[in-house]
Amino acid sequence: MQNATLTRQGLGKPLKRSFFARSVHEVAPDLIGTTLLVNGVGGVIVEVEAYHHTEPAAHSFNGPTPRNLVMFGPPGFIYVYRSYGIHWCVNFVCEKEGSASAVLIRALQPTHGIPAMRRRRGLPDERSLCSGPGKLTQALAITHAHNGLALDAPPFALHARPHKPDIVSGIRIGLTKAIDLPWRYGLERSKFLSKPF
């Protein structure tokens, strides 16, 4: 199996909320290669970014607000927010309750429900369906209605990766604060990334 393109295969065991009760810097790279499904539609996570409450790019840096309150709750829940007033972004809350750290899911390799993704995105090209945080939420029909839901209960399912893939890291994308932190992780040579490393 080529590392850059993971083939559709049997899913690994379902991951529980306890998977996220660790440092966001451990969880983020460990998500590369896992499979995220929403109502059976989704794919392999190939790109993520970590956000820690101690750095100014994190939404939780200045404390709790109605918008970011889910980040301050227990790990293993979904934090959804609107980016630039245009598209939704989905994050997985990590660390102990009150830490307010999360992983932004930036890109997926589509593997399940591709016809549904194509309808939702209006695109035939699989490489473009989920190659960015706003694209993947549209493809998976994730909205603010999912904010605060548990990752280990319907409509979500997150499955363990079959093996540890080759992972690359670099600086996060599109930030004006804490721009030098190498907290973006991706599947090496994947053609489904939002932007090459």
N, C-alpha and C. Protein backbone atom coordinates (compact mmCIF):
# COMPACT_ATOMS: atom_id res chain seq x y z
N MET A 1 0.86 -1.20 0.00
CA MET A 1 0.00 0.00 0.00
C MET A 1 0.88 1.24 0.00
N GLN A 2 0.61 2.15 -0.90
CA GLN A 2 1.38 3.38 -0.95
C GLN A 2 0.97 4.27 0.22
N ASN A 3 1.96 4.90 0.82
CA ASN A 3 1.70 5.73 1.99
C ASN A 3 0.93 6.98 1.64
N ALA A 4 1.17 7.54 0.46
CA ALA A 4 0.57 8.82 0.10
C ALA A 4 -0.92 8.70 -0.20
N THR A 5 -1.37 7.53 -0.59
CA THR A 5 -2.79 7.32 -0.87
C THR A 5 -3.22 6.04 -0.18
N LEU A 6 -3.99 6.19 0.87
CA LEU A 6 -4.45 5.04 1.62
C LEU A 6 -5.66 4.42 0.91
N THR A 7 -5.59 3.13 0.68
CA THR A 7 -6.69 2.46 -0.01
C THR A 7 -7.84 2.21 0.95
N ARG A 8 -9.05 2.08 0.38
CA ARG A 8 -10.21 1.75 1.21
C ARG A 8 -10.04 0.33 1.74
N GLN A 9 -10.26 0.14 3.00
CA GLN A 9 -10.02 -1.14 3.63
C GLN A 9 -10.93 -1.28 4.83
N GLY A 10 -10.81 -2.42 5.50
CA GLY A 10 -11.57 -2.61 6.72
C GLY A 10 -11.21 -1.56 7.75
N LEU A 11 -12.20 -1.09 8.47
CA LEU A 11 -11.97 -0.04 9.45
C LEU A 11 -11.36 -0.63 10.72
N GLY A 12 -10.50 0.16 11.36
CA GLY A 12 -9.94 -0.23 12.64
C GLY A 12 -10.98 -0.10 13.74
N LYS A 13 -10.58 -0.42 14.94
CA LYS A 13 -11.52 -0.35 16.06
C LYS A 13 -11.97 1.09 16.30
N PRO A 14 -13.20 1.26 16.77
CA PRO A 14 -13.67 2.62 17.08
C PRO A 14 -12.85 3.25 18.19
N LEU A 15 -12.53 4.52 18.04
CA LEU A 15 -11.80 5.24 19.06
C LEU A 15 -12.79 5.88 20.04
N LYS A 16 -12.46 5.82 21.30
CA LYS A 16 -13.32 6.37 22.35
C LYS A 16 -12.84 7.75 22.77
N ARG A 17 -13.64 8.42 23.57
CA ARG A 17 -13.28 9.77 24.04
C ARG A 17 -11.95 9.78 24.79
N SER A 18 -11.63 8.67 25.43
CA SER A 18 -10.37 8.60 26.19
C SER A 18 -9.15 8.81 25.31
N PHE A 19 -9.27 8.54 24.01
CA PHE A 19 -8.18 8.77 23.06
C PHE A 19 -7.74 10.23 23.09
N PHE A 20 -8.68 11.13 23.39
CA PHE A 20 -8.41 12.57 23.34
C PHE A 20 -7.99 13.15 24.69
N ALA A 21 -7.97 12.33 25.72
CA ALA A 21 -7.61 12.80 27.07
C ALA A 21 -6.10 12.80 27.25
N ARG A 22 -5.41 13.36 26.29
CA ARG A 22 -3.94 13.46 26.28
C ARG A 22 -3.55 14.82 25.73
N SER A 23 -2.26 15.08 25.74
CA SER A 23 -1.77 16.33 25.17
C SER A 23 -2.22 16.46 23.72
N VAL A 24 -2.65 17.66 23.35
CA VAL A 24 -3.05 17.93 21.98
C VAL A 24 -1.90 17.65 21.01
N HIS A 25 -0.66 17.75 21.50
CA HIS A 25 0.51 17.50 20.65
C HIS A 25 0.76 16.02 20.44
N GLU A 26 0.17 15.17 21.25
CA GLU A 26 0.20 13.73 21.01
C GLU A 26 -0.97 13.31 20.13
N VAL A 27 -2.14 13.87 20.41
CA VAL A 27 -3.34 13.49 19.68
C VAL A 27 -3.25 13.89 18.21
N ALA A 28 -2.79 15.10 17.94
CA ALA A 28 -2.80 15.62 16.56
C ALA A 28 -2.09 14.69 15.58
N PRO A 29 -0.82 14.33 15.80
CA PRO A 29 -0.19 13.42 14.83
C PRO A 29 -0.80 12.02 14.85
N ASP A 30 -1.34 11.60 16.00
CA ASP A 30 -1.96 10.28 16.08
C ASP A 30 -3.27 10.19 15.30
N LEU A 31 -3.85 11.34 14.93
CA LEU A 31 -5.08 11.33 14.13
C LEU A 31 -4.80 11.07 12.65
N ILE A 32 -3.58 11.30 12.20
CA ILE A 32 -3.25 11.07 10.80
C ILE A 32 -3.37 9.57 10.51
N GLY A 33 -4.22 9.23 9.56
CA GLY A 33 -4.45 7.83 9.20
C GLY A 33 -5.70 7.23 9.81
N THR A 34 -6.32 7.94 10.76
CA THR A 34 -7.60 7.46 11.30
C THR A 34 -8.71 7.79 10.30
N THR A 35 -9.85 7.14 10.46
CA THR A 35 -10.98 7.36 9.54
C THR A 35 -12.12 8.03 10.29
N LEU A 36 -12.54 9.18 9.78
CA LEU A 36 -13.66 9.94 10.34
C LEU A 36 -14.88 9.75 9.44
N LEU A 37 -16.00 9.33 10.05
CA LEU A 37 -17.25 9.18 9.33
C LEU A 37 -18.35 9.98 10.03
N VAL A 38 -19.19 10.61 9.24
CA VAL A 38 -20.37 11.31 9.74
C VAL A 38 -21.57 10.74 8.98
N ASN A 39 -22.41 10.00 9.69
CA ASN A 39 -23.51 9.28 9.06
C ASN A 39 -23.00 8.39 7.92
N GLY A 40 -21.85 7.77 8.14
CA GLY A 40 -21.29 6.84 7.17
C GLY A 40 -20.52 7.47 6.03
N VAL A 41 -20.42 8.79 6.01
CA VAL A 41 -19.71 9.51 4.94
C VAL A 41 -18.42 10.09 5.51
N GLY A 42 -17.31 9.91 4.80
CA GLY A 42 -16.06 10.48 5.30
C GLY A 42 -14.85 9.84 4.66
N GLY A 43 -13.76 9.81 5.44
CA GLY A 43 -12.52 9.28 4.90
C GLY A 43 -11.40 9.33 5.89
N VAL A 44 -10.20 9.14 5.37
CA VAL A 44 -8.99 9.07 6.16
C VAL A 44 -8.46 10.48 6.42
N ILE A 45 -8.21 10.79 7.68
CA ILE A 45 -7.66 12.10 8.03
C ILE A 45 -6.21 12.17 7.57
N VAL A 46 -5.90 13.16 6.73
CA VAL A 46 -4.55 13.30 6.19
C VAL A 46 -3.87 14.60 6.61
N GLU A 47 -4.61 15.52 7.27
CA GLU A 47 -3.99 16.79 7.67
C GLU A 47 -4.76 17.40 8.84
N VAL A 48 -4.00 17.84 9.85
CA VAL A 48 -4.61 18.46 11.04
C VAL A 48 -3.70 19.59 11.53
N GLU A 49 -4.25 20.41 12.43
CA GLU A 49 -3.45 21.42 13.13
C GLU A 49 -3.81 21.39 14.61
N ALA A 50 -2.80 21.50 15.46
CA ALA A 50 -3.01 21.53 16.91
C ALA A 50 -3.10 22.97 17.40
N TYR A 51 -4.01 23.20 18.36
CA TYR A 51 -4.17 24.51 19.00
C TYR A 51 -4.20 24.31 20.50
N HIS A 52 -3.29 25.00 21.20
CA HIS A 52 -3.17 24.88 22.65
C HIS A 52 -3.57 26.20 23.30
N HIS A 53 -4.26 26.13 24.42
CA HIS A 53 -4.81 27.33 25.05
C HIS A 53 -3.77 28.36 25.46
N THR A 54 -2.49 27.97 25.49
CA THR A 54 -1.44 28.89 25.93
C THR A 54 -0.90 29.77 24.79
N GLU A 55 -1.38 29.56 23.57
CA GLU A 55 -0.85 30.35 22.45
C GLU A 55 -1.98 31.15 21.80
N PRO A 56 -1.67 32.36 21.32
CA PRO A 56 -2.70 33.32 20.93
C PRO A 56 -3.51 32.96 19.69
N ALA A 57 -3.11 31.95 18.93
CA ALA A 57 -3.92 31.56 17.78
C ALA A 57 -5.10 30.68 18.18
N ALA A 58 -5.06 30.15 19.40
CA ALA A 58 -6.17 29.31 19.88
C ALA A 58 -7.37 30.17 20.24
N HIS A 59 -8.56 29.71 19.89
CA HIS A 59 -9.77 30.46 20.21
C HIS A 59 -9.98 30.58 21.72
N SER A 60 -9.36 29.70 22.48
CA SER A 60 -9.54 29.68 23.94
C SER A 60 -8.53 30.55 24.68
N PHE A 61 -7.63 31.20 23.97
CA PHE A 61 -6.52 31.93 24.59
C PHE A 61 -6.99 32.99 25.59
N ASN A 62 -8.08 33.67 25.26
CA ASN A 62 -8.57 34.75 26.13
C ASN A 62 -9.69 34.32 27.06
N GLY A 63 -9.89 33.01 27.20
CA GLY A 63 -10.89 32.52 28.13
C GLY A 63 -12.18 32.10 27.44
N PRO A 64 -13.11 31.56 28.23
CA PRO A 64 -14.35 31.04 27.65
C PRO A 64 -15.30 32.13 27.17
N THR A 65 -15.96 31.82 26.05
CA THR A 65 -17.01 32.68 25.49
C THR A 65 -18.14 31.73 25.04
N PRO A 66 -19.30 32.27 24.71
CA PRO A 66 -20.35 31.38 24.20
C PRO A 66 -19.91 30.59 22.97
N ARG A 67 -19.05 31.20 22.14
CA ARG A 67 -18.59 30.53 20.92
C ARG A 67 -17.69 29.35 21.21
N ASN A 68 -16.74 29.50 22.14
CA ASN A 68 -15.71 28.47 22.34
C ASN A 68 -15.93 27.59 23.56
N LEU A 69 -17.08 27.66 24.18
CA LEU A 69 -17.31 26.98 25.45
C LEU A 69 -17.05 25.48 25.39
N VAL A 70 -17.33 24.86 24.25
CA VAL A 70 -17.10 23.42 24.11
C VAL A 70 -15.63 23.08 24.32
N MET A 71 -14.72 23.98 23.94
CA MET A 71 -13.29 23.72 24.11
C MET A 71 -12.90 23.55 25.57
N PHE A 72 -13.66 24.14 26.47
CA PHE A 72 -13.34 24.08 27.89
C PHE A 72 -13.97 22.86 28.58
N GLY A 73 -14.72 22.10 27.82
CA GLY A 73 -15.36 20.92 28.37
C GLY A 73 -14.46 19.70 28.30
N PRO A 74 -15.05 18.53 28.50
CA PRO A 74 -14.25 17.30 28.49
C PRO A 74 -13.74 16.96 27.09
N PRO A 75 -12.71 16.13 27.00
CA PRO A 75 -12.14 15.74 25.71
C PRO A 75 -13.06 14.79 24.95
N GLY A 76 -12.83 14.74 23.64
CA GLY A 76 -13.59 13.81 22.80
C GLY A 76 -14.89 14.36 22.28
N PHE A 77 -15.03 15.69 22.29
CA PHE A 77 -16.23 16.33 21.77
C PHE A 77 -15.87 17.22 20.58
N ILE A 78 -16.90 17.56 19.81
CA ILE A 78 -16.74 18.35 18.59
C ILE A 78 -16.90 19.84 18.89
N TYR A 79 -15.96 20.64 18.39
CA TYR A 79 -16.07 22.10 18.44
C TYR A 79 -16.17 22.58 17.00
N VAL A 80 -17.31 23.19 16.66
CA VAL A 80 -17.54 23.69 15.31
C VAL A 80 -17.69 25.20 15.36
N TYR A 81 -17.00 25.89 14.48
CA TYR A 81 -17.12 27.35 14.42
C TYR A 81 -17.15 27.80 12.96
N ARG A 82 -17.64 29.00 12.75
CA ARG A 82 -17.69 29.59 11.41
C ARG A 82 -16.41 30.37 11.17
N SER A 83 -15.75 30.10 10.06
CA SER A 83 -14.50 30.77 9.72
C SER A 83 -14.76 31.88 8.72
N TYR A 84 -14.33 33.09 9.06
CA TYR A 84 -14.49 34.26 8.20
C TYR A 84 -15.94 34.48 7.79
N GLY A 85 -16.88 33.96 8.59
CA GLY A 85 -18.29 34.11 8.27
C GLY A 85 -18.73 33.35 7.04
N ILE A 86 -17.89 32.43 6.56
CA ILE A 86 -18.15 31.75 5.29
C ILE A 86 -18.43 30.26 5.47
N HIS A 87 -17.45 29.54 6.06
CA HIS A 87 -17.60 28.09 6.14
C HIS A 87 -17.36 27.59 7.57
N TRP A 88 -17.87 26.38 7.83
CA TRP A 88 -17.68 25.76 9.13
C TRP A 88 -16.34 25.06 9.20
N CYS A 89 -15.78 24.99 10.39
CA CYS A 89 -14.55 24.24 10.66
C CYS A 89 -14.83 23.30 11.83
N VAL A 90 -14.28 22.10 11.78
CA VAL A 90 -14.52 21.11 12.83
C VAL A 90 -13.22 20.80 13.57
N ASN A 91 -13.32 20.77 14.89
CA ASN A 91 -12.19 20.52 15.77
C ASN A 91 -12.54 19.44 16.77
N PHE A 92 -11.52 18.70 17.23
CA PHE A 92 -11.70 17.69 18.25
C PHE A 92 -11.07 18.20 19.55
N VAL A 93 -11.86 18.30 20.60
CA VAL A 93 -11.38 18.81 21.89
C VAL A 93 -10.48 17.76 22.55
N CYS A 94 -9.34 18.23 23.07
CA CYS A 94 -8.34 17.35 23.68
C CYS A 94 -8.01 17.80 25.11
N GLU A 95 -7.24 16.97 25.79
CA GLU A 95 -6.71 17.23 27.12
C GLU A 95 -7.82 17.25 28.17
N LYS A 96 -7.45 17.47 29.40
CA LYS A 96 -8.43 17.39 30.49
C LYS A 96 -9.41 18.55 30.41
N GLU A 97 -10.56 18.37 31.04
CA GLU A 97 -11.58 19.41 31.06
C GLU A 97 -10.99 20.70 31.62
N GLY A 98 -11.24 21.81 30.94
CA GLY A 98 -10.70 23.09 31.34
C GLY A 98 -9.45 23.49 30.59
N SER A 99 -8.79 22.54 29.94
CA SER A 99 -7.56 22.85 29.20
C SER A 99 -7.87 23.70 27.97
N ALA A 100 -8.98 23.39 27.29
CA ALA A 100 -9.40 24.17 26.13
C ALA A 100 -8.40 24.11 24.98
N SER A 101 -7.97 22.91 24.66
CA SER A 101 -7.09 22.69 23.52
C SER A 101 -7.81 21.78 22.52
N ALA A 102 -7.50 21.94 21.23
CA ALA A 102 -8.23 21.19 20.23
C ALA A 102 -7.40 21.00 18.97
N VAL A 103 -7.84 20.04 18.15
CA VAL A 103 -7.21 19.74 16.87
C VAL A 103 -8.18 20.10 15.76
N LEU A 104 -7.75 20.98 14.85
CA LEU A 104 -8.53 21.33 13.67
C LEU A 104 -8.29 20.26 12.60
N ILE A 105 -9.38 19.75 12.04
CA ILE A 105 -9.26 18.76 10.96
C ILE A 105 -9.22 19.52 9.64
N ARG A 106 -8.09 19.44 8.95
CA ARG A 106 -7.89 20.25 7.75
C ARG A 106 -8.20 19.52 6.45
N ALA A 107 -7.97 18.20 6.38
CA ALA A 107 -8.17 17.51 5.11
C ALA A 107 -8.38 16.01 5.33
N LEU A 108 -9.20 15.44 4.44
CA LEU A 108 -9.48 14.01 4.43
C LEU A 108 -9.21 13.45 3.04
N GLN A 109 -8.86 12.18 3.00
CA GLN A 109 -8.90 11.42 1.75
C GLN A 109 -10.25 10.72 1.70
N PRO A 110 -11.14 11.10 0.79
CA PRO A 110 -12.47 10.48 0.76
C PRO A 110 -12.41 8.98 0.51
N THR A 111 -13.16 8.22 1.31
CA THR A 111 -13.21 6.76 1.14
C THR A 111 -14.63 6.22 1.25
N HIS A 112 -15.52 6.91 1.93
CA HIS A 112 -16.87 6.41 2.17
C HIS A 112 -17.89 7.49 1.78
N GLY A 113 -18.92 7.08 1.03
CA GLY A 113 -19.98 8.02 0.66
C GLY A 113 -19.53 9.08 -0.32
N ILE A 114 -18.66 8.72 -1.23
CA ILE A 114 -18.13 9.71 -2.19
C ILE A 114 -19.22 10.33 -3.06
N PRO A 115 -20.23 9.57 -3.53
CA PRO A 115 -21.31 10.21 -4.30
C PRO A 115 -22.02 11.32 -3.52
N ALA A 116 -22.24 11.10 -2.21
CA ALA A 116 -22.87 12.13 -1.38
C ALA A 116 -21.98 13.36 -1.28
N MET A 117 -20.68 13.15 -1.11
CA MET A 117 -19.74 14.28 -1.04
C MET A 117 -19.76 15.06 -2.35
N ARG A 118 -19.79 14.36 -3.46
CA ARG A 118 -19.80 15.04 -4.76
C ARG A 118 -21.05 15.89 -4.93
N ARG A 119 -22.19 15.37 -4.48
CA ARG A 119 -23.43 16.16 -4.56
C ARG A 119 -23.34 17.41 -3.69
N ARG A 120 -22.86 17.25 -2.48
CA ARG A 120 -22.79 18.37 -1.55
C ARG A 120 -21.80 19.43 -1.99
N ARG A 121 -20.71 19.02 -2.61
CA ARG A 121 -19.68 19.96 -3.04
C ARG A 121 -19.88 20.44 -4.48
N GLY A 122 -20.67 19.69 -5.27
CA GLY A 122 -20.85 20.05 -6.67
C GLY A 122 -19.60 19.85 -7.49
N LEU A 123 -18.79 18.85 -7.10
CA LEU A 123 -17.52 18.60 -7.76
C LEU A 123 -17.34 17.11 -8.03
N PRO A 124 -16.75 16.75 -9.15
CA PRO A 124 -16.47 15.33 -9.42
C PRO A 124 -15.10 14.87 -8.89
N ASP A 125 -14.15 15.80 -8.77
CA ASP A 125 -12.77 15.45 -8.46
C ASP A 125 -12.60 15.08 -6.99
N GLU A 126 -12.24 13.83 -6.71
CA GLU A 126 -12.08 13.38 -5.33
C GLU A 126 -11.02 14.18 -4.58
N ARG A 127 -9.98 14.62 -5.28
CA ARG A 127 -8.90 15.35 -4.61
C ARG A 127 -9.35 16.69 -4.06
N SER A 128 -10.43 17.23 -4.62
CA SER A 128 -10.91 18.54 -4.19
C SER A 128 -12.07 18.48 -3.19
N LEU A 129 -12.57 17.29 -2.91
CA LEU A 129 -13.76 17.18 -2.08
C LEU A 129 -13.51 17.61 -0.63
N CYS A 130 -12.37 17.22 -0.07
CA CYS A 130 -12.11 17.45 1.36
C CYS A 130 -10.73 18.05 1.62
N SER A 131 -10.18 18.77 0.64
CA SER A 131 -8.81 19.29 0.74
C SER A 131 -8.78 20.69 1.36
N GLY A 132 -9.39 20.81 2.52
CA GLY A 132 -9.42 22.06 3.26
C GLY A 132 -10.49 21.97 4.33
N PRO A 133 -10.36 22.72 5.41
CA PRO A 133 -11.30 22.58 6.52
C PRO A 133 -12.74 22.92 6.18
N GLY A 134 -12.97 23.94 5.34
CA GLY A 134 -14.32 24.29 4.94
C GLY A 134 -14.88 23.32 3.91
N LYS A 135 -14.01 22.81 3.06
CA LYS A 135 -14.44 21.84 2.05
C LYS A 135 -14.92 20.55 2.71
N LEU A 136 -14.16 20.08 3.71
CA LEU A 136 -14.52 18.79 4.30
C LEU A 136 -15.80 18.89 5.14
N THR A 137 -16.03 20.03 5.80
CA THR A 137 -17.29 20.14 6.54
C THR A 137 -18.48 20.18 5.59
N GLN A 138 -18.32 20.82 4.43
CA GLN A 138 -19.39 20.82 3.44
C GLN A 138 -19.61 19.42 2.90
N ALA A 139 -18.54 18.71 2.60
CA ALA A 139 -18.64 17.36 2.06
C ALA A 139 -19.28 16.39 3.05
N LEU A 140 -19.01 16.58 4.35
CA LEU A 140 -19.54 15.71 5.39
C LEU A 140 -20.82 16.25 6.02
N ALA A 141 -21.28 17.40 5.53
CA ALA A 141 -22.51 18.05 6.02
C ALA A 141 -22.41 18.36 7.51
N ILE A 142 -21.23 18.82 7.96
CA ILE A 142 -21.04 19.25 9.34
C ILE A 142 -21.38 20.72 9.46
N THR A 143 -22.24 21.06 10.43
CA THR A 143 -22.63 22.44 10.68
C THR A 143 -22.56 22.73 12.17
N HIS A 144 -22.98 23.92 12.55
CA HIS A 144 -22.98 24.28 13.97
C HIS A 144 -23.92 23.39 14.78
N ALA A 145 -24.85 22.73 14.13
CA ALA A 145 -25.75 21.80 14.81
C ALA A 145 -24.98 20.64 15.44
N HIS A 146 -23.76 20.38 14.96
CA HIS A 146 -22.94 19.30 15.50
C HIS A 146 -22.06 19.76 16.67
N ASN A 147 -22.01 21.05 16.91
CA ASN A 147 -21.16 21.59 17.98
C ASN A 147 -21.55 20.97 19.33
N GLY A 148 -20.56 20.45 20.04
CA GLY A 148 -20.80 19.88 21.36
C GLY A 148 -21.17 18.41 21.37
N LEU A 149 -21.24 17.77 20.20
CA LEU A 149 -21.56 16.35 20.16
C LEU A 149 -20.33 15.51 20.44
N ALA A 150 -20.55 14.30 20.94
CA ALA A 150 -19.44 13.39 21.25
C ALA A 150 -18.94 12.72 19.99
N LEU A 151 -17.63 12.50 19.92
CA LEU A 151 -17.02 11.87 18.76
C LEU A 151 -17.26 10.37 18.70
N ASP A 152 -17.61 9.76 19.82
CA ASP A 152 -17.78 8.31 19.83
C ASP A 152 -19.25 7.90 19.86
N ALA A 153 -20.12 8.76 19.34
CA ALA A 153 -21.55 8.46 19.28
C ALA A 153 -22.10 8.99 17.96
N PRO A 154 -23.15 8.35 17.42
CA PRO A 154 -23.73 8.83 16.16
C PRO A 154 -24.11 10.31 16.26
N PRO A 155 -23.96 11.05 15.13
CA PRO A 155 -23.65 10.55 13.79
C PRO A 155 -22.16 10.35 13.51
N PHE A 156 -21.31 10.58 14.52
CA PHE A 156 -19.87 10.47 14.30
C PHE A 156 -19.36 9.07 14.58
N ALA A 157 -18.31 8.69 13.85
CA ALA A 157 -17.55 7.48 14.14
C ALA A 157 -16.11 7.76 13.76
N LEU A 158 -15.20 7.43 14.63
CA LEU A 158 -13.77 7.62 14.37
C LEU A 158 -13.09 6.28 14.60
N HIS A 159 -12.37 5.81 13.58
CA HIS A 159 -11.77 4.48 13.63
C HIS A 159 -10.25 4.56 13.61
N ALA A 160 -9.63 3.67 14.37
CA ALA A 160 -8.17 3.63 14.49
C ALA A 160 -7.53 3.36 13.13
N ARG A 161 -6.32 3.86 12.97
CA ARG A 161 -5.58 3.63 11.73
C ARG A 161 -5.02 2.20 11.73
N PRO A 162 -4.85 1.62 10.54
CA PRO A 162 -4.35 0.24 10.46
C PRO A 162 -2.87 0.13 10.82
N HIS A 163 -2.14 1.20 10.63
CA HIS A 163 -0.71 1.22 10.95
C HIS A 163 -0.29 2.67 11.09
N LYS A 164 0.88 2.90 11.64
CA LYS A 164 1.37 4.27 11.77
C LYS A 164 1.98 4.71 10.44
N PRO A 165 1.42 5.74 9.82
CA PRO A 165 1.95 6.21 8.54
C PRO A 165 3.14 7.15 8.73
N ASP A 166 3.76 7.51 7.61
CA ASP A 166 4.82 8.51 7.64
C ASP A 166 4.17 9.88 7.74
N ILE A 167 4.55 10.64 8.77
CA ILE A 167 3.91 11.93 9.07
C ILE A 167 4.92 13.05 8.93
N VAL A 168 4.48 14.14 8.33
CA VAL A 168 5.32 15.33 8.22
C VAL A 168 4.68 16.44 9.06
N SER A 169 5.48 17.43 9.42
CA SER A 169 4.95 18.55 10.20
C SER A 169 5.49 19.86 9.64
N GLY A 170 4.79 20.94 9.98
CA GLY A 170 5.20 22.26 9.52
C GLY A 170 4.37 23.31 10.23
N ILE A 171 4.54 24.55 9.79
CA ILE A 171 3.79 25.65 10.43
C ILE A 171 2.33 25.61 9.97
N ARG A 172 1.46 26.15 10.81
CA ARG A 172 0.04 26.18 10.50
C ARG A 172 -0.26 27.20 9.41
N ILE A 173 -1.46 27.11 8.85
CA ILE A 173 -1.81 27.89 7.66
C ILE A 173 -2.76 29.03 7.99
N GLY A 174 -2.53 30.20 7.38
CA GLY A 174 -3.47 31.30 7.43
C GLY A 174 -3.58 32.03 8.75
N LEU A 175 -2.54 31.99 9.56
CA LEU A 175 -2.58 32.63 10.87
C LEU A 175 -1.82 33.95 10.87
N THR A 176 -2.20 34.82 11.79
CA THR A 176 -1.45 36.07 11.99
C THR A 176 -0.78 36.08 13.36
N LYS A 177 -1.07 35.08 14.20
CA LYS A 177 -0.46 34.95 15.52
C LYS A 177 0.16 33.57 15.66
N ALA A 178 1.24 33.51 16.43
CA ALA A 178 1.93 32.23 16.68
C ALA A 178 2.19 31.50 15.37
N ILE A 179 2.65 32.25 14.38
CA ILE A 179 2.79 31.69 13.03
C ILE A 179 3.98 30.75 12.87
N ASP A 180 4.91 30.76 13.84
CA ASP A 180 6.12 29.97 13.69
C ASP A 180 6.03 28.59 14.33
N LEU A 181 4.92 28.26 14.97
CA LEU A 181 4.81 26.98 15.67
C LEU A 181 4.56 25.85 14.66
N PRO A 182 5.38 24.79 14.70
CA PRO A 182 5.25 23.70 13.71
C PRO A 182 4.20 22.68 14.12
N TRP A 183 2.96 23.13 14.24
CA TRP A 183 1.89 22.29 14.80
C TRP A 183 0.89 21.83 13.76
N ARG A 184 1.30 21.82 12.51
CA ARG A 184 0.49 21.24 11.44
C ARG A 184 1.10 19.88 11.09
N TYR A 185 0.24 18.87 10.99
CA TYR A 185 0.71 17.51 10.72
C TYR A 185 -0.03 16.95 9.52
N GLY A 186 0.67 16.14 8.71
CA GLY A 186 0.03 15.58 7.54
C GLY A 186 0.62 14.25 7.13
N LEU A 187 -0.12 13.55 6.29
CA LEU A 187 0.34 12.30 5.71
C LEU A 187 1.35 12.62 4.61
N GLU A 188 2.54 12.11 4.75
CA GLU A 188 3.60 12.43 3.81
C GLU A 188 3.22 12.06 2.38
N ARG A 189 3.40 13.01 1.47
CA ARG A 189 3.16 12.86 0.03
C ARG A 189 1.69 12.65 -0.33
N SER A 190 0.78 12.89 0.58
CA SER A 190 -0.64 12.73 0.24
C SER A 190 -1.05 13.76 -0.81
N LYS A 191 -1.86 13.33 -1.77
CA LYS A 191 -2.37 14.25 -2.79
C LYS A 191 -3.68 14.90 -2.34
N PHE A 192 -4.11 14.61 -1.11
CA PHE A 192 -5.38 15.13 -0.61
C PHE A 192 -5.20 16.27 0.40
N LEU A 193 -3.98 16.76 0.58
CA LEU A 193 -3.72 17.84 1.54
C LEU A 193 -4.33 19.15 1.05
N SER A 194 -4.57 20.07 2.00
CA SER A 194 -5.06 21.39 1.61
C SER A 194 -3.96 22.22 0.97
N LYS A 195 -2.73 21.94 1.38
CA LYS A 195 -1.56 22.66 0.88
C LYS A 195 -0.33 21.78 1.12
N PRO A 196 0.59 21.70 0.17
CA PRO A 196 1.77 20.87 0.39
C PRO A 196 2.61 21.36 1.58
N PHE A 197 3.34 20.46 2.18
CA PHE A 197 4.25 20.82 3.26
C PHE A 197 5.56 21.29 2.67
